[in-house]
Amino acid sequence: MDLEALKADAARQAAAHVKSGMVVGLGTGSTAKHLVAELGRRLKEEGLKIVGVPTSERTAEQARSLGIKLATLEEEPKLDLAIDGADEIELGTLDLIKGAGGALLRERLVESAAKTFIVIADETKKVEKLGTRFKVPVEVVRFGWKSTFARLEALGVKPRRRETDGKPFVTDEQHYTFDCATGQIPDARKLAAELKAVTGVVDHGLFIGMASECLVATSTGVEVLKKK
């Protein structure tokens, strides 16, 4: 199974929802990268005209290289559509774990401003309960981060500061990210509220009740998941 090919399939189907004149939130990560590439192709070959609101500097750089017009959330506070990937999708609820790409704060801000939020993923991201395979990313302010770390430990999650090449990973907003091992989460809404209430926490990767639908690429085609 070629996961990159599956991600590209889901991205192409999601891109078909994008029409000229739309303001579109552009996600971050390996699947969203395929989406931006497909929108760039449509711009060149079909004359698609959109305004993109990127969720990270990496996505903005890719979009600019393809000629996609960009705006900030301040310039375009209301979006027609946002499309992004996910690390886990809970079947039935469509609740998500996001943030492996390191852009969860901007992703939540952009995707909360969209009328419709479509998730694109490959079939390995489907789970019965969140926390089955992925840790929950938590974005924290760098000042006093060890105290925040201790507060998260006291909450019962097992945080680990994310590092890249032996150095702390720093988000576009200049924060640290803790990846928190939870195991299967019995009540994701409750944990989301508890994480948000921890002093020093900016945001977390539990995206509850936000997805409109999920396009999941499988070896037999793209599966459309709806809330039950």
Protein backbone atom coordinates (compact mmCIF):
# COMPACT_ATOMS: atom_id res chain seq x y z
CA MET A 1 0.00 0.00 0.00
CA ASP A 2 1.52 3.33 -1.12
CA LEU A 3 0.44 5.80 1.55
CA GLU A 4 1.61 8.83 -0.41
CA ALA A 5 -0.51 7.77 -3.38
CA LEU A 6 -3.51 7.34 -1.07
CA LYS A 7 -2.96 10.79 0.43
CA ALA A 8 -2.78 12.29 -3.06
CA ASP A 9 -6.06 10.58 -3.97
CA ALA A 10 -7.84 12.08 -0.96
CA ALA A 11 -6.33 15.49 -1.69
CA ARG A 12 -7.53 15.46 -5.29
CA GLN A 13 -11.08 14.61 -4.26
CA ALA A 14 -11.08 17.35 -1.63
CA ALA A 15 -9.68 19.86 -4.12
CA ALA A 16 -12.71 19.21 -6.34
CA HIS A 17 -14.80 21.00 -3.68
CA VAL A 18 -12.83 24.20 -4.30
CA LYS A 19 -14.45 26.64 -6.72
CA SER A 20 -13.22 29.92 -8.19
CA GLY A 21 -13.90 32.86 -5.93
CA MET A 22 -13.53 30.90 -2.70
CA VAL A 23 -11.40 31.79 0.30
CA VAL A 24 -9.80 28.52 1.35
CA GLY A 25 -7.89 27.50 4.46
CA LEU A 26 -4.79 25.56 3.44
CA GLY A 27 -3.67 22.93 5.91
CA THR A 28 -0.23 21.76 6.95
CA GLY A 29 1.40 18.35 6.73
CA SER A 30 2.10 15.56 4.30
CA THR A 31 -1.48 15.16 3.06
CA ALA A 32 -2.17 18.89 2.87
CA LYS A 33 0.96 19.26 0.76
CA HIS A 34 -0.73 17.16 -1.94
CA LEU A 35 -3.81 19.40 -1.71
CA VAL A 36 -1.81 22.58 -2.29
CA ALA A 37 -0.04 20.95 -5.22
CA GLU A 38 -3.39 20.00 -6.80
CA LEU A 39 -4.76 23.52 -6.33
CA GLY A 40 -1.62 24.88 -7.96
CA ARG A 41 -2.18 22.54 -10.91
CA ARG A 42 -5.78 23.68 -11.26
CA LEU A 43 -4.70 27.32 -11.11
CA LYS A 44 -2.26 26.76 -13.97
CA GLU A 45 -4.34 24.42 -16.13
CA GLU A 46 -7.92 25.47 -15.38
CA GLY A 47 -7.57 29.12 -14.39
CA LEU A 48 -8.81 28.49 -10.85
CA LYS A 49 -8.91 31.74 -8.86
CA ILE A 50 -8.91 31.46 -5.08
CA VAL A 51 -7.46 33.15 -2.04
CA GLY A 52 -5.65 30.82 0.33
CA VAL A 53 -5.20 31.34 4.06
CA PRO A 54 -2.24 29.15 5.06
CA THR A 55 -1.93 27.46 8.44
CA SER A 56 1.88 27.54 8.50
CA GLU A 57 4.87 29.23 6.95
CA ARG A 58 5.73 25.95 5.17
CA THR A 59 2.33 25.86 3.49
CA ALA A 60 2.56 29.56 2.61
CA GLU A 61 5.94 29.01 0.94
CA GLN A 62 4.60 26.10 -1.14
CA ALA A 63 1.47 28.02 -2.15
CA ARG A 64 3.44 31.10 -3.20
CA SER A 65 5.74 28.96 -5.34
CA LEU A 66 2.66 27.73 -7.23
CA GLY A 67 1.19 31.19 -7.74
CA ILE A 68 -1.69 30.84 -5.26
CA LYS A 69 -2.83 34.20 -3.92
CA LEU A 70 -2.56 34.33 -0.13
CA ALA A 71 -4.15 36.36 2.64
CA THR A 72 -3.94 36.42 6.43
CA LEU A 73 -6.81 35.54 8.71
CA GLU A 74 -7.01 39.21 9.62
CA GLU A 75 -7.54 40.10 5.96
CA GLU A 76 -10.01 37.24 5.37
CA PRO A 77 -11.67 36.43 8.71
CA LYS A 78 -14.44 34.32 7.12
CA LEU A 79 -13.50 31.33 4.97
CA ASP A 80 -15.68 29.34 2.61
CA LEU A 81 -13.77 26.14 3.17
CA ALA A 82 -10.76 24.72 4.98
CA ILE A 83 -9.02 21.47 4.04
CA ASP A 84 -6.41 19.76 6.20
CA GLY A 85 -5.09 16.39 7.27
CA ALA A 86 -5.36 14.60 10.61
CA ASP A 87 -3.29 12.17 12.63
CA GLU A 88 -6.30 10.25 13.91
CA ILE A 89 -10.00 10.27 12.98
CA GLU A 90 -12.45 8.77 15.45
CA LEU A 91 -15.13 6.83 13.61
CA GLY A 92 -18.64 8.01 14.30
CA THR A 93 -17.78 11.36 15.90
CA LEU A 94 -15.16 12.54 13.37
CA ASP A 95 -13.24 13.97 16.33
CA LEU A 96 -9.55 14.37 15.50
CA ILE A 97 -6.02 14.36 16.80
CA LYS A 98 -3.98 16.92 14.87
CA GLY A 99 -0.62 18.59 15.32
CA ALA A 100 2.05 16.15 14.18
CA GLY A 101 3.00 18.77 11.59
CA GLY A 102 3.60 21.35 14.31
CA ALA A 103 0.93 23.87 13.30
CA LEU A 104 -2.05 23.01 15.47
CA LEU A 105 -2.67 26.54 16.80
CA ARG A 106 -2.86 28.20 13.40
CA GLU A 107 -4.81 25.22 12.08
CA ARG A 108 -7.48 25.63 14.77
CA LEU A 109 -7.73 29.37 14.17
CA VAL A 110 -8.11 28.98 10.41
CA GLU A 111 -10.40 25.96 10.50
CA SER A 112 -12.65 27.51 13.13
CA ALA A 113 -13.21 30.43 10.75
CA ALA A 114 -14.38 28.20 7.89
CA LYS A 115 -18.00 27.42 7.00
CA THR A 116 -16.92 23.89 6.09
CA PHE A 117 -13.89 21.91 7.27
CA ILE A 118 -12.96 18.86 5.19
CA VAL A 119 -10.38 16.40 6.51
CA ILE A 120 -8.20 14.41 4.13
CA ALA A 121 -6.29 11.32 5.20
CA ASP A 122 -5.29 7.78 4.35
CA GLU A 123 -7.02 4.76 5.87
CA THR A 124 -4.38 4.23 8.57
CA LYS A 125 -5.75 7.31 10.38
CA LYS A 126 -9.12 5.74 11.22
CA VAL A 127 -9.50 4.65 14.88
CA GLU A 128 -12.31 3.55 17.15
CA LYS A 129 -11.00 5.80 19.95
CA LEU A 130 -8.63 8.76 19.84
CA GLY A 131 -5.23 8.09 21.36
CA THR A 132 -5.01 4.59 19.90
CA ARG A 133 -1.86 5.24 17.86
CA PHE A 134 -0.89 8.91 18.24
CA LYS A 135 0.06 11.09 21.16
CA VAL A 136 -1.82 14.33 21.71
CA PRO A 137 0.32 17.38 20.82
CA VAL A 138 0.07 20.28 23.26
CA GLU A 139 1.46 23.71 22.38
CA VAL A 140 2.89 25.62 25.36
CA VAL A 141 4.61 28.93 25.99
CA ARG A 142 8.35 28.58 26.37
CA PHE A 143 8.54 30.69 29.54
CA GLY A 144 8.24 28.37 32.54
CA TRP A 145 7.81 25.31 30.34
CA LYS A 146 9.11 22.93 33.00
CA SER A 147 6.32 24.00 35.33
CA THR A 148 3.78 23.45 32.56
CA PHE A 149 5.35 20.05 31.93
CA ALA A 150 4.84 19.14 35.60
CA ARG A 151 1.22 20.32 35.55
CA LEU A 152 0.51 18.11 32.55
CA GLU A 153 2.14 15.14 34.30
CA ALA A 154 -0.12 15.78 37.30
CA LEU A 155 -3.09 15.69 34.94
CA GLY A 156 -2.19 12.09 34.12
CA VAL A 157 -0.87 12.46 30.58
CA LYS A 158 2.75 11.63 29.83
CA PRO A 159 4.33 14.64 28.08
CA ARG A 160 7.55 14.67 26.12
CA ARG A 161 9.02 17.84 24.63
CA ARG A 162 9.28 17.54 20.87
CA GLU A 163 12.76 17.92 19.44
CA THR A 164 14.25 18.23 15.97
CA ASP A 165 17.91 17.37 15.40
CA GLY A 166 18.45 17.33 19.15
CA LYS A 167 16.99 20.81 19.67
CA PRO A 168 13.54 21.81 20.93
CA PHE A 169 11.00 22.11 18.13
CA VAL A 170 9.64 25.68 17.96
CA THR A 171 6.32 26.46 16.28
CA ASP A 172 5.66 29.39 13.94
CA GLU A 173 4.27 31.20 17.00
CA GLN A 174 7.55 30.53 18.86
CA HIS A 175 6.09 27.99 21.28
CA TYR A 176 7.20 24.52 22.37
CA THR A 177 5.21 21.36 21.66
CA PHE A 178 4.75 18.52 24.14
CA ASP A 179 3.58 15.19 22.73
CA CYS A 180 1.41 13.64 25.42
CA ALA A 181 0.83 9.90 25.66
CA THR A 182 -2.73 9.21 26.79
CA GLY A 183 -3.64 5.77 25.55
CA GLN A 184 -7.19 5.43 24.28
CA ILE A 185 -9.17 8.47 25.42
CA PRO A 186 -12.57 7.56 26.89
CA ASP A 187 -13.85 11.15 26.89
CA ALA A 188 -11.98 13.39 24.43
CA ARG A 189 -14.15 16.43 25.13
CA LYS A 190 -13.37 16.23 28.86
CA LEU A 191 -9.63 15.84 28.24
CA ALA A 192 -9.67 18.75 25.79
CA ALA A 193 -11.16 21.02 28.45
CA GLU A 194 -8.67 19.82 31.07
CA LEU A 195 -5.68 20.43 28.79
CA LYS A 196 -6.91 23.90 27.84
CA ALA A 197 -7.26 24.82 31.52
CA VAL A 198 -3.60 24.08 32.34
CA THR A 199 -1.62 27.27 32.93
CA GLY A 200 1.04 27.61 30.23
CA VAL A 201 -0.90 25.63 27.63
CA VAL A 202 -1.76 27.64 24.51
CA ASP A 203 -3.72 24.94 22.69
CA HIS A 204 -3.87 21.20 22.06
CA GLY A 205 -4.38 18.78 19.20
CA LEU A 206 -7.84 17.48 20.12
CA PHE A 207 -10.17 18.91 17.47
CA ILE A 208 -13.63 18.08 18.78
CA GLY A 209 -16.76 18.57 16.69
CA MET A 210 -15.00 20.56 13.99
CA ALA A 211 -14.86 18.28 10.93
CA SER A 212 -17.74 18.50 8.45
CA GLU A 213 -16.66 15.33 6.65
CA CYS A 214 -13.57 13.22 6.14
CA LEU A 215 -12.26 11.95 2.81
CA VAL A 216 -10.24 8.83 3.53
CA ALA A 217 -8.27 7.22 0.72
CA THR A 218 -8.25 3.43 0.78
CA SER A 219 -6.86 0.83 -1.58
CA THR A 220 -10.33 0.53 -3.14
CA GLY A 221 -11.07 4.26 -3.47
CA VAL A 222 -11.89 7.34 -1.41
CA GLU A 223 -14.29 6.71 1.48
CA VAL A 224 -16.46 9.61 2.66
CA LEU A 225 -16.98 9.59 6.44
CA LYS A 226 -19.89 11.48 7.98
CA LYS A 227 -20.87 11.99 11.60
CA LYS A 228 -23.26 9.39 12.95
